[in-house]
PDB file of all heavy atoms in Angstrom:
ATOM      1  N   GLU A   1       4.202  17.236   2.701  1.00  0.00           N
ATOM      2  CA  GLU A   1       2.880  17.641   3.197  1.00  0.00           C
ATOM      3  C   GLU A   1       1.756  17.234   2.247  1.00  0.00           C
ATOM      4  O   GLU A   1       1.876  17.399   1.039  1.00  0.00           O
ATOM      5  CB  GLU A   1       2.865  19.166   3.370  1.00  0.00           C
ATOM      6  CG  GLU A   1       1.626  19.699   4.024  1.00  0.00           C
ATOM      7  CD  GLU A   1       1.722  21.188   4.275  1.00  0.00           C
ATOM      8  OE1 GLU A   1       2.564  21.595   5.102  1.00  0.00           O
ATOM      9  OE2 GLU A   1       0.981  21.933   3.623  1.00  0.00           O
ATOM     10  N   LYS A   2       0.667  16.716   2.832  1.00  0.00           N
ATOM     11  CA  LYS A   2      -0.501  16.303   2.050  1.00  0.00           C
ATOM     12  C   LYS A   2      -1.785  16.747   2.748  1.00  0.00           C
ATOM     13  O   LYS A   2      -1.872  16.740   3.978  1.00  0.00           O
ATOM     14  CB  LYS A   2      -0.536  14.781   1.857  1.00  0.00           C
ATOM     15  CG  LYS A   2       0.579  14.270   0.985  1.00  0.00           C
ATOM     16  CD  LYS A   2       0.451  14.794  -0.414  1.00  0.00           C
ATOM     17  CE  LYS A   2       1.743  14.689  -1.180  1.00  0.00           C
ATOM     18  NZ  LYS A   2       1.786  15.542  -2.333  1.00  0.00           N
ATOM     19  N   GLN A   3      -2.770  17.093   1.953  1.00  0.00           N
ATOM     20  CA  GLN A   3      -4.077  17.542   2.434  1.00  0.00           C
ATOM     21  C   GLN A   3      -5.077  16.383   2.388  1.00  0.00           C
ATOM     22  O   GLN A   3      -4.886  15.426   1.637  1.00  0.00           O
ATOM     23  CB  GLN A   3      -4.597  18.675   1.541  1.00  0.00           C
ATOM     24  CG  GLN A   3      -3.662  19.850   1.404  1.00  0.00           C
ATOM     25  CD  GLN A   3      -3.424  20.566   2.716  1.00  0.00           C
ATOM     26  OE1 GLN A   3      -4.346  20.803   3.484  1.00  0.00           O
ATOM     27  NE2 GLN A   3      -2.174  20.903   2.981  1.00  0.00           N
ATOM     28  N   PRO A   4      -6.171  16.486   3.168  1.00  0.00           N
ATOM     29  CA  PRO A   4      -7.210  15.448   3.083  1.00  0.00           C
ATOM     30  C   PRO A   4      -7.661  15.226   1.637  1.00  0.00           C
ATOM     31  O   PRO A   4      -7.834  16.174   0.877  1.00  0.00           O
ATOM     32  CB  PRO A   4      -8.339  16.018   3.943  1.00  0.00           C
ATOM     33  CG  PRO A   4      -7.619  16.832   4.979  1.00  0.00           C
ATOM     34  CD  PRO A   4      -6.481  17.472   4.204  1.00  0.00           C
ATOM     35  N   GLY A   5      -7.775  13.953   1.289  1.00  0.00           N
ATOM     36  CA  GLY A   5      -8.174  13.573  -0.068  1.00  0.00           C
ATOM     37  C   GLY A   5      -7.007  13.303  -1.000  1.00  0.00           C
ATOM     38  O   GLY A   5      -7.177  12.651  -2.025  1.00  0.00           O
ATOM     39  N   GLU A   6      -5.818  13.763  -0.651  1.00  0.00           N
ATOM     40  CA  GLU A   6      -4.665  13.540  -1.514  1.00  0.00           C
ATOM     41  C   GLU A   6      -4.119  12.127  -1.350  1.00  0.00           C
ATOM     42  O   GLU A   6      -4.169  11.544  -0.270  1.00  0.00           O
ATOM     43  CB  GLU A   6      -3.561  14.556  -1.227  1.00  0.00           C
ATOM     44  CG  GLU A   6      -3.904  15.953  -1.707  1.00  0.00           C
ATOM     45  CD  GLU A   6      -2.716  16.883  -1.598  1.00  0.00           C
ATOM     46  OE1 GLU A   6      -2.425  17.351  -0.476  1.00  0.00           O
ATOM     47  OE2 GLU A   6      -2.073  17.136  -2.645  1.00  0.00           O
ATOM     48  N   VAL A   7      -3.552  11.606  -2.418  1.00  0.00           N
ATOM     49  CA  VAL A   7      -2.984  10.256  -2.436  1.00  0.00           C
ATOM     50  C   VAL A   7      -1.639  10.252  -1.717  1.00  0.00           C
ATOM     51  O   VAL A   7      -0.791  11.119  -1.968  1.00  0.00           O
ATOM     52  CB  VAL A   7      -2.816   9.761  -3.891  1.00  0.00           C
ATOM     53  CG1 VAL A   7      -2.118   8.404  -3.935  1.00  0.00           C
ATOM     54  CG2 VAL A   7      -4.164   9.689  -4.589  1.00  0.00           C
ATOM     55  N   VAL A   8      -1.442   9.234  -0.842  1.00  0.00           N
ATOM     56  CA  VAL A   8      -0.171   9.117  -0.132  1.00  0.00           C
ATOM     57  C   VAL A   8       0.563   7.820  -0.444  1.00  0.00           C
ATOM     58  O   VAL A   8       1.783   7.747  -0.263  1.00  0.00           O
ATOM     59  CB  VAL A   8      -0.339   9.277   1.390  1.00  0.00           C
ATOM     60  CG1 VAL A   8      -0.822  10.674   1.719  1.00  0.00           C
ATOM     61  CG2 VAL A   8      -1.245   8.236   1.976  1.00  0.00           C
ATOM     62  N   VAL A   9      -0.146   6.802  -0.890  1.00  0.00           N
ATOM     63  CA  VAL A   9       0.510   5.550  -1.254  1.00  0.00           C
ATOM     64  C   VAL A   9      -0.275   4.868  -2.357  1.00  0.00           C
ATOM     65  O   VAL A   9      -1.510   4.885  -2.353  1.00  0.00           O
ATOM     66  CB  VAL A   9       0.677   4.600  -0.042  1.00  0.00           C
ATOM     67  CG1 VAL A   9      -0.639   4.188   0.554  1.00  0.00           C
ATOM     68  CG2 VAL A   9       1.525   3.387  -0.394  1.00  0.00           C
ATOM     69  N   VAL A  10       0.463   4.289  -3.320  1.00  0.00           N
ATOM     70  CA  VAL A  10      -0.156   3.474  -4.375  1.00  0.00           C
ATOM     71  C   VAL A  10       0.666   2.204  -4.500  1.00  0.00           C
ATOM     72  O   VAL A  10       1.890   2.250  -4.597  1.00  0.00           O
ATOM     73  CB  VAL A  10      -0.207   4.199  -5.730  1.00  0.00           C
ATOM     74  CG1 VAL A  10      -0.736   3.268  -6.820  1.00  0.00           C
ATOM     75  CG2 VAL A  10      -1.069   5.448  -5.642  1.00  0.00           C
ATOM     76  N   ILE A  11      -0.057   1.090  -4.481  1.00  0.00           N
ATOM     77  CA  ILE A  11       0.562  -0.216  -4.675  1.00  0.00           C
ATOM     78  C   ILE A  11      -0.139  -0.854  -5.862  1.00  0.00           C
ATOM     79  O   ILE A  11      -1.371  -0.952  -5.883  1.00  0.00           O
ATOM     80  CB  ILE A  11       0.410  -1.097  -3.429  1.00  0.00           C
ATOM     81  CG1 ILE A  11       1.175  -0.448  -2.273  1.00  0.00           C
ATOM     82  CG2 ILE A  11       0.904  -2.514  -3.704  1.00  0.00           C
ATOM     83  CD1 ILE A  11       0.832  -0.998  -0.934  1.00  0.00           C
ATOM     84  N   ALA A  12       0.630  -1.273  -6.863  1.00  0.00           N
ATOM     85  CA  ALA A  12       0.078  -1.951  -8.036  1.00  0.00           C
ATOM     86  C   ALA A  12       0.742  -3.313  -8.146  1.00  0.00           C
ATOM     87  O   ALA A  12       1.967  -3.427  -8.069  1.00  0.00           O
ATOM     88  CB  ALA A  12       0.330  -1.130  -9.297  1.00  0.00           C
ATOM     89  N   VAL A  13      -0.084  -4.340  -8.296  1.00  0.00           N
ATOM     90  CA  VAL A  13       0.396  -5.719  -8.356  1.00  0.00           C
ATOM     91  C   VAL A  13      -0.178  -6.381  -9.602  1.00  0.00           C
ATOM     92  O   VAL A  13      -1.373  -6.275  -9.869  1.00  0.00           O
ATOM     93  CB  VAL A  13      -0.048  -6.505  -7.097  1.00  0.00           C
ATOM     94  CG1 VAL A  13       0.344  -7.952  -7.205  1.00  0.00           C
ATOM     95  CG2 VAL A  13       0.534  -5.873  -5.848  1.00  0.00           C
ATOM     96  N   ALA A  14       0.674  -7.076 -10.341  1.00  0.00           N
ATOM     97  CA  ALA A  14       0.236  -7.782 -11.547  1.00  0.00           C
ATOM     98  C   ALA A  14       0.523  -9.267 -11.405  1.00  0.00           C
ATOM     99  O   ALA A  14       1.579  -9.669 -10.918  1.00  0.00           O
ATOM    100  CB  ALA A  14       0.942  -7.238 -12.782  1.00  0.00           C
ATOM    101  N   ALA A  15      -0.449 -10.068 -11.846  1.00  0.00           N
ATOM    102  CA  ALA A  15      -0.320 -11.525 -11.814  1.00  0.00           C
ATOM    103  C   ALA A  15      -1.048 -12.098 -13.012  1.00  0.00           C
ATOM    104  O   ALA A  15      -1.805 -11.412 -13.685  1.00  0.00           O
ATOM    105  CB  ALA A  15      -0.907 -12.075 -10.515  1.00  0.00           C
ATOM    106  N   PHE A  16      -0.829 -13.386 -13.244  1.00  0.00           N
ATOM    107  CA  PHE A  16      -1.560 -14.030 -14.326  1.00  0.00           C
ATOM    108  C   PHE A  16      -3.048 -14.103 -14.003  1.00  0.00           C
ATOM    109  O   PHE A  16      -3.896 -14.048 -14.884  1.00  0.00           O
ATOM    110  CB  PHE A  16      -1.005 -15.431 -14.592  1.00  0.00           C
ATOM    111  CG  PHE A  16       0.386 -15.413 -15.160  1.00  0.00           C
ATOM    112  CD1 PHE A  16       1.396 -16.141 -14.562  1.00  0.00           C
ATOM    113  CD2 PHE A  16       0.704 -14.671 -16.288  1.00  0.00           C
ATOM    114  CE1 PHE A  16       2.684 -16.134 -15.077  1.00  0.00           C
ATOM    115  CE2 PHE A  16       1.979 -14.653 -16.820  1.00  0.00           C
ATOM    116  CZ  PHE A  16       2.982 -15.385 -16.208  1.00  0.00           C
ATOM    117  N   HIS A  17      -3.377 -14.191 -12.699  1.00  0.00           N
ATOM    118  CA  HIS A  17      -4.769 -14.336 -12.267  1.00  0.00           C
ATOM    119  C   HIS A  17      -5.077 -13.362 -11.133  1.00  0.00           C
ATOM    120  O   HIS A  17      -4.225 -13.068 -10.302  1.00  0.00           O
ATOM    121  CB  HIS A  17      -5.036 -15.772 -11.812  1.00  0.00           C
ATOM    122  CG  HIS A  17      -4.705 -16.777 -12.870  1.00  0.00           C
ATOM    123  ND1 HIS A  17      -5.498 -16.976 -13.976  1.00  0.00           N
ATOM    124  CD2 HIS A  17      -3.643 -17.600 -13.003  1.00  0.00           C
ATOM    125  CE1 HIS A  17      -4.946 -17.896 -14.744  1.00  0.00           C
ATOM    126  NE2 HIS A  17      -3.816 -18.288 -14.174  1.00  0.00           N
ATOM    127  N   ARG A  18      -6.321 -12.898 -11.063  1.00  0.00           N
ATOM    128  CA  ARG A  18      -6.726 -11.853 -10.127  1.00  0.00           C
ATOM    129  C   ARG A  18      -6.579 -12.234  -8.662  1.00  0.00           C
ATOM    130  O   ARG A  18      -6.247 -11.391  -7.835  1.00  0.00           O
ATOM    131  CB  ARG A  18      -8.153 -11.396 -10.409  1.00  0.00           C
ATOM    132  CG  ARG A  18      -9.208 -12.430 -10.051  1.00  0.00           C
ATOM    133  CD  ARG A  18     -10.628 -11.956 -10.377  1.00  0.00           C
ATOM    134  NE  ARG A  18     -11.578 -12.993 -10.063  1.00  0.00           N
ATOM    135  CZ  ARG A  18     -11.891 -14.019 -10.850  1.00  0.00           C
ATOM    136  NH1 ARG A  18     -11.299 -14.135 -12.025  1.00  0.00           N
ATOM    137  NH2 ARG A  18     -12.771 -14.915 -10.461  1.00  0.00           N
ATOM    138  N   LYS A  19      -6.839 -13.471  -8.308  1.00  0.00           N
ATOM    139  CA  LYS A  19      -6.819 -13.870  -6.901  1.00  0.00           C
ATOM    140  C   LYS A  19      -5.448 -13.614  -6.280  1.00  0.00           C
ATOM    141  O   LYS A  19      -5.339 -13.098  -5.167  1.00  0.00           O
ATOM    142  CB  LYS A  19      -7.213 -15.338  -6.771  1.00  0.00           C
ATOM    143  CG  LYS A  19      -7.553 -15.737  -5.373  1.00  0.00           C
ATOM    144  CD  LYS A  19      -8.199 -17.112  -5.359  1.00  0.00           C
ATOM    145  CE  LYS A  19      -8.754 -17.388  -3.983  1.00  0.00           C
ATOM    146  NZ  LYS A  19      -9.550 -18.595  -3.920  1.00  0.00           N
ATOM    147  N   ALA A  20      -4.402 -13.970  -6.978  1.00  0.00           N
ATOM    148  CA  ALA A  20      -3.044 -13.735  -6.482  1.00  0.00           C
ATOM    149  C   ALA A  20      -2.763 -12.240  -6.364  1.00  0.00           C
ATOM    150  O   ALA A  20      -2.123 -11.792  -5.404  1.00  0.00           O
ATOM    151  CB  ALA A  20      -2.028 -14.402  -7.396  1.00  0.00           C
ATOM    152  N   ALA A  21      -3.238 -11.459  -7.330  1.00  0.00           N
ATOM    153  CA  ALA A  21      -3.012 -10.009  -7.305  1.00  0.00           C
ATOM    154  C   ALA A  21      -3.694  -9.374  -6.094  1.00  0.00           C
ATOM    155  O   ALA A  21      -3.107  -8.520  -5.418  1.00  0.00           O
ATOM    156  CB  ALA A  21      -3.508  -9.375  -8.601  1.00  0.00           C
ATOM    157  N   PHE A  22      -4.927  -9.778  -5.792  1.00  0.00           N
ATOM    158  CA  PHE A  22      -5.633  -9.244  -4.624  1.00  0.00           C
ATOM    159  C   PHE A  22      -4.898  -9.598  -3.333  1.00  0.00           C
ATOM    160  O   PHE A  22      -4.669  -8.739  -2.478  1.00  0.00           O
ATOM    161  CB  PHE A  22      -7.063  -9.782  -4.551  1.00  0.00           C
ATOM    162  CG  PHE A  22      -8.052  -9.013  -5.366  1.00  0.00           C
ATOM    163  CD1 PHE A  22      -8.537  -9.529  -6.547  1.00  0.00           C
ATOM    164  CD2 PHE A  22      -8.515  -7.773  -4.948  1.00  0.00           C
ATOM    165  CE1 PHE A  22      -9.462  -8.826  -7.311  1.00  0.00           C
ATOM    166  CE2 PHE A  22      -9.433  -7.054  -5.693  1.00  0.00           C
ATOM    167  CZ  PHE A  22      -9.911  -7.581  -6.876  1.00  0.00           C
ATOM    168  N   ALA A  23      -4.540 -10.852  -3.175  1.00  0.00           N
ATOM    169  CA  ALA A  23      -3.882 -11.305  -1.945  1.00  0.00           C
ATOM    170  C   ALA A  23      -2.534 -10.613  -1.755  1.00  0.00           C
ATOM    171  O   ALA A  23      -2.200 -10.171  -0.649  1.00  0.00           O
ATOM    172  CB  ALA A  23      -3.711 -12.822  -1.970  1.00  0.00           C
ATOM    173  N   ALA A  24      -1.773 -10.504  -2.813  1.00  0.00           N
ATOM    174  CA  ALA A  24      -0.451  -9.879  -2.721  1.00  0.00           C
ATOM    175  C   ALA A  24      -0.563  -8.392  -2.410  1.00  0.00           C
ATOM    176  O   ALA A  24       0.221  -7.863  -1.619  1.00  0.00           O
ATOM    177  CB  ALA A  24       0.315 -10.090  -4.020  1.00  0.00           C
ATOM    178  N   CYS A  25      -1.526  -7.724  -2.997  1.00  0.00           N
ATOM    179  CA  CYS A  25      -1.696  -6.290  -2.755  1.00  0.00           C
ATOM    180  C   CYS A  25      -2.003  -6.035  -1.280  1.00  0.00           C
ATOM    181  O   CYS A  25      -1.426  -5.131  -0.663  1.00  0.00           O
ATOM    182  CB  CYS A  25      -2.802  -5.744  -3.652  1.00  0.00           C
ATOM    183  SG  CYS A  25      -2.731  -3.958  -3.848  1.00  0.00           S
ATOM    184  N   GLU A  26      -2.865  -6.842  -0.698  1.00  0.00           N
ATOM    185  CA  GLU A  26      -3.179  -6.696   0.719  1.00  0.00           C
ATOM    186  C   GLU A  26      -1.939  -6.974   1.577  1.00  0.00           C
ATOM    187  O   GLU A  26      -1.654  -6.243   2.535  1.00  0.00           O
ATOM    188  CB  GLU A  26      -4.323  -7.620   1.118  1.00  0.00           C
ATOM    189  CG  GLU A  26      -4.743  -7.444   2.559  1.00  0.00           C
ATOM    190  CD  GLU A  26      -5.954  -8.271   2.922  1.00  0.00           C
ATOM    191  OE1 GLU A  26      -6.151  -9.365   2.350  1.00  0.00           O
ATOM    192  OE2 GLU A  26      -6.699  -7.822   3.813  1.00  0.00           O
ATOM    193  N   PHE A  27      -1.203  -8.004   1.234  1.00  0.00           N
ATOM    194  CA  PHE A  27       0.032  -8.322   1.950  1.00  0.00           C
ATOM    195  C   PHE A  27       1.011  -7.144   1.892  1.00  0.00           C
ATOM    196  O   PHE A  27       1.625  -6.778   2.909  1.00  0.00           O
ATOM    197  CB  PHE A  27       0.682  -9.575   1.352  1.00  0.00           C
ATOM    198  CG  PHE A  27       2.097  -9.775   1.794  1.00  0.00           C
ATOM    199  CD1 PHE A  27       2.388 -10.359   3.014  1.00  0.00           C
ATOM    200  CD2 PHE A  27       3.154  -9.364   0.987  1.00  0.00           C
ATOM    201  CE1 PHE A  27       3.702 -10.530   3.428  1.00  0.00           C
ATOM    202  CE2 PHE A  27       4.468  -9.532   1.390  1.00  0.00           C
ATOM    203  CZ  PHE A  27       4.743 -10.111   2.618  1.00  0.00           C
ATOM    204  N   VAL A  28       1.170  -6.548   0.729  1.00  0.00           N
ATOM    205  CA  VAL A  28       2.141  -5.462   0.560  1.00  0.00           C
ATOM    206  C   VAL A  28       1.776  -4.269   1.435  1.00  0.00           C
ATOM    207  O   VAL A  28       2.626  -3.742   2.159  1.00  0.00           O
ATOM    208  CB  VAL A  28       2.284  -5.061  -0.923  1.00  0.00           C
ATOM    209  CG1 VAL A  28       3.117  -3.785  -1.065  1.00  0.00           C
ATOM    210  CG2 VAL A  28       2.917  -6.182  -1.726  1.00  0.00           C
ATOM    211  N   ILE A  29       0.521  -3.816   1.408  1.00  0.00           N
ATOM    212  CA  ILE A  29       0.171  -2.635   2.213  1.00  0.00           C
ATOM    213  C   ILE A  29       0.263  -2.949   3.701  1.00  0.00           C
ATOM    214  O   ILE A  29       0.748  -2.142   4.486  1.00  0.00           O
ATOM    215  CB  ILE A  29      -1.200  -2.033   1.828  1.00  0.00           C
ATOM    216  CG1 ILE A  29      -1.423  -0.697   2.554  1.00  0.00           C
ATOM    217  CG2 ILE A  29      -2.337  -2.981   2.095  1.00  0.00           C
ATOM    218  CD1 ILE A  29      -0.408   0.387   2.282  1.00  0.00           C
ATOM    219  N   ASP A  30      -0.181  -4.124   4.112  1.00  0.00           N
ATOM    220  CA  ASP A  30      -0.111  -4.479   5.531  1.00  0.00           C
ATOM    221  C   ASP A  30       1.333  -4.557   6.015  1.00  0.00           C
ATOM    222  O   ASP A  30       1.666  -4.060   7.097  1.00  0.00           O
ATOM    223  CB  ASP A  30      -0.818  -5.810   5.795  1.00  0.00           C
ATOM    224  CG  ASP A  30      -2.326  -5.709   5.690  1.00  0.00           C
ATOM    225  OD1 ASP A  30      -2.872  -4.579   5.622  1.00  0.00           O
ATOM    226  OD2 ASP A  30      -2.979  -6.768   5.658  1.00  0.00           O
ATOM    227  N   THR A  31       2.207  -5.154   5.221  1.00  0.00           N
ATOM    228  CA  THR A  31       3.609  -5.293   5.606  1.00  0.00           C
ATOM    229  C   THR A  31       4.320  -3.946   5.572  1.00  0.00           C
ATOM    230  O   THR A  31       5.130  -3.639   6.451  1.00  0.00           O
ATOM    231  CB  THR A  31       4.316  -6.324   4.700  1.00  0.00           C
ATOM    232  OG1 THR A  31       3.554  -7.537   4.715  1.00  0.00           O
ATOM    233  CG2 THR A  31       5.724  -6.608   5.194  1.00  0.00           C
ATOM    234  N   LEU A  32       4.003  -3.134   4.587  1.00  0.00           N
ATOM    235  CA  LEU A  32       4.578  -1.793   4.506  1.00  0.00           C
ATOM    236  C   LEU A  32       4.260  -1.019   5.782  1.00  0.00           C
ATOM    237  O   LEU A  32       5.134  -0.394   6.383  1.00  0.00           O
ATOM    238  CB  LEU A  32       4.030  -1.070   3.273  1.00  0.00           C
ATOM    239  CG  LEU A  32       4.602   0.310   2.985  1.00  0.00           C
ATOM    240  CD1 LEU A  32       4.692   0.517   1.484  1.00  0.00           C
ATOM    241  CD2 LEU A  32       3.782   1.403   3.607  1.00  0.00           C
ATOM    242  N   LYS A  33       3.023  -1.092   6.230  1.00  0.00           N
ATOM    243  CA  LYS A  33       2.616  -0.372   7.444  1.00  0.00           C
ATOM    244  C   LYS A  33       3.363  -0.874   8.676  1.00  0.00           C
ATOM    245  O   LYS A  33       3.583  -0.119   9.618  1.00  0.00           O
ATOM    246  CB  LYS A  33       1.109  -0.512   7.655  1.00  0.00           C
ATOM    247  CG  LYS A  33       0.303   0.219   6.602  1.00  0.00           C
ATOM    248  CD  LYS A  33      -1.165   0.001   6.835  1.00  0.00           C
ATOM    249  CE  LYS A  33      -1.771   1.252   7.146  1.00  0.00           C
ATOM    250  NZ  LYS A  33      -2.871   1.709   7.592  1.00  0.00           N
ATOM    251  N   GLU A  34       3.747  -2.123   8.676  1.00  0.00           N
ATOM    252  CA  GLU A  34       4.427  -2.705   9.836  1.00  0.00           C
ATOM    253  C   GLU A  34       5.934  -2.478   9.840  1.00  0.00           C
ATOM    254  O   GLU A  34       6.530  -2.394  10.912  1.00  0.00           O
ATOM    255  CB  GLU A  34       4.178  -4.216   9.882  1.00  0.00           C
ATOM    256  CG  GLU A  34       2.751  -4.600  10.171  1.00  0.00           C
ATOM    257  CD  GLU A  34       2.526  -6.098  10.030  1.00  0.00           C
ATOM    258  OE1 GLU A  34       3.497  -6.852   9.807  1.00  0.00           O
ATOM    259  OE2 GLU A  34       1.367  -6.512  10.129  1.00  0.00           O
ATOM    260  N   THR A  35       6.563  -2.404   8.666  1.00  0.00           N
ATOM    261  CA  THR A  35       8.022  -2.475   8.644  1.00  0.00           C
ATOM    262  C   THR A  35       8.764  -1.284   8.030  1.00  0.00           C
ATOM    263  O   THR A  35       9.962  -1.141   8.277  1.00  0.00           O
ATOM    264  CB  THR A  35       8.483  -3.735   7.883  1.00  0.00           C
ATOM    265  OG1 THR A  35       8.094  -3.631   6.511  1.00  0.00           O
ATOM    266  CG2 THR A  35       7.889  -4.996   8.494  1.00  0.00           C
ATOM    267  N   VAL A  36       8.111  -0.470   7.242  1.00  0.00           N
ATOM    268  CA  VAL A  36       8.833   0.600   6.540  1.00  0.00           C
ATOM    269  C   VAL A  36       8.924   1.845   7.428  1.00  0.00           C
ATOM    270  O   VAL A  36       7.911   2.293   7.961  1.00  0.00           O
ATOM    271  CB  VAL A  36       8.162   0.922   5.191  1.00  0.00           C
ATOM    272  CG1 VAL A  36       8.882   2.062   4.492  1.00  0.00           C
ATOM    273  CG2 VAL A  36       8.157  -0.319   4.298  1.00  0.00           C
ATOM    274  N   PRO A  37      10.133   2.405   7.603  1.00  0.00           N
ATOM    275  CA  PRO A  37      10.308   3.567   8.479  1.00  0.00           C
ATOM    276  C   PRO A  37       9.809   4.868   7.849  1.00  0.00           C
ATOM    277  O   PRO A  37      10.572   5.670   7.306  1.00  0.00           O
ATOM    278  CB  PRO A  37      11.820   3.591   8.725  1.00  0.00           C
ATOM    279  CG  PRO A  37      12.406   2.983   7.498  1.00  0.00           C
ATOM    280  CD  PRO A  37      11.409   1.933   7.055  1.00  0.00           C
ATOM    281  N   ILE A  38       8.502   5.021   7.919  1.00  0.00           N
ATOM    282  CA  ILE A  38       7.838   6.244   7.459  1.00  0.00           C
ATOM    283  C   ILE A  38       7.022   6.757   8.634  1.00  0.00           C
ATOM    284  O   ILE A  38       6.301   6.000   9.279  1.00  0.00           O
ATOM    285  CB  ILE A  38       6.920   5.971   6.253  1.00  0.00           C
ATOM    286  CG1 ILE A  38       7.739   5.483   5.053  1.00  0.00           C
ATOM    287  CG2 ILE A  38       6.135   7.241   5.884  1.00  0.00           C
ATOM    288  CD1 ILE A  38       6.906   5.052   3.862  1.00  0.00           C
ATOM    289  N   TRP A  39       7.157   8.051   8.899  1.00  0.00           N
ATOM    290  CA  TRP A  39       6.434   8.672  10.006  1.00  0.00           C
ATOM    291  C   TRP A  39       5.574   9.793   9.470  1.00  0.00           C
ATOM    292  O   TRP A  39       5.863  10.366   8.426  1.00  0.00           O
ATOM    293  CB  TRP A  39       7.413   9.221  11.033  1.00  0.00           C
ATOM    294  CG  TRP A  39       8.374   8.184  11.492  1.00  0.00           C
ATOM    295  CD1 TRP A  39       8.176   7.257  12.475  1.00  0.00           C
ATOM    296  CD2 TRP A  39       9.675   7.924  10.959  1.00  0.00           C
ATOM    297  NE1 TRP A  39       9.277   6.443  12.593  1.00  0.00           N
ATOM    298  CE2 TRP A  39      10.220   6.833  11.674  1.00  0.00           C
ATOM    299  CE3 TRP A  39      10.447   8.497   9.953  1.00  0.00           C
ATOM    300  CZ2 TRP A  39      11.480   6.313  11.430  1.00  0.00           C
ATOM    301  CZ3 TRP A  39      11.700   7.988   9.693  1.00  0.00           C
ATOM    302  CH2 TRP A  39      12.212   6.911  10.425  1.00  0.00           C
ATOM    303  N   LYS A  40       4.513  10.101  10.216  1.00  0.00           N
ATOM    304  CA  LYS A  40       3.678  11.214   9.799  1.00  0.00           C
ATOM    305  C   LYS A  40       3.369  12.100  10.985  1.00  0.00           C
ATOM    306  O   LYS A  40       3.301  11.647  12.126  1.00  0.00           O
ATOM    307  CB  LYS A  40       2.384  10.738   9.135  1.00  0.00           C
ATOM    308  CG  LYS A  40       1.388  10.095  10.071  1.00  0.00           C
ATOM    309  CD  LYS A  40       0.122   9.679   9.325  1.00  0.00           C
ATOM    310  CE  LYS A  40      -0.786   8.862  10.239  1.00  0.00           C
ATOM    311  NZ  LYS A  40      -1.969   8.399   9.527  1.00  0.00           N
ATOM    312  N   LYS A  41       3.197  13.366  10.676  1.00  0.00           N
ATOM    313  CA  LYS A  41       2.759  14.338  11.667  1.00  0.00           C
ATOM    314  C   LYS A  41       1.350  14.736  11.265  1.00  0.00           C
ATOM    315  O   LYS A  41       1.129  15.175  10.131  1.00  0.00           O
ATOM    316  CB  LYS A  41       3.687  15.555  11.696  1.00  0.00           C
ATOM    317  CG  LYS A  41       3.424  16.483  12.859  1.00  0.00           C
ATOM    318  CD  LYS A  41       4.505  17.536  12.963  1.00  0.00           C
ATOM    319  CE  LYS A  41       4.373  18.283  14.279  1.00  0.00           C
ATOM    320  NZ  LYS A  41       5.456  19.283  14.415  1.00  0.00           N
ATOM    321  N   GLU A  42       0.429  14.533  12.188  1.00  0.00           N
ATOM    322  CA  GLU A  42      -0.970  14.896  11.936  1.00  0.00           C
ATOM    323  C   GLU A  42      -1.228  16.285  12.513  1.00  0.00           C
ATOM    324  O   GLU A  42      -0.884  16.547  13.664  1.00  0.00           O
ATOM    325  CB  GLU A  42      -1.924  13.899  12.586  1.00  0.00           C
ATOM    326  CG  GLU A  42      -1.886  12.540  11.950  1.00  0.00           C
ATOM    327  CD  GLU A  42      -2.867  11.567  12.586  1.00  0.00           C
ATOM    328  OE1 GLU A  42      -2.914  11.480  13.835  1.00  0.00           O
ATOM    329  OE2 GLU A  42      -3.578  10.904  11.831  1.00  0.00           O
TER     330      GLU A  42
END
């Protein structure tokens, strides 16, 4: 259970250069939302 304002997911990505880190971080959250079996009750 989580309340409004509480953190539910954190993704941290490290690369030699920032551009790759930004692109990969977006890919990870988008793919996680599409494929990982996590459900929520609102």
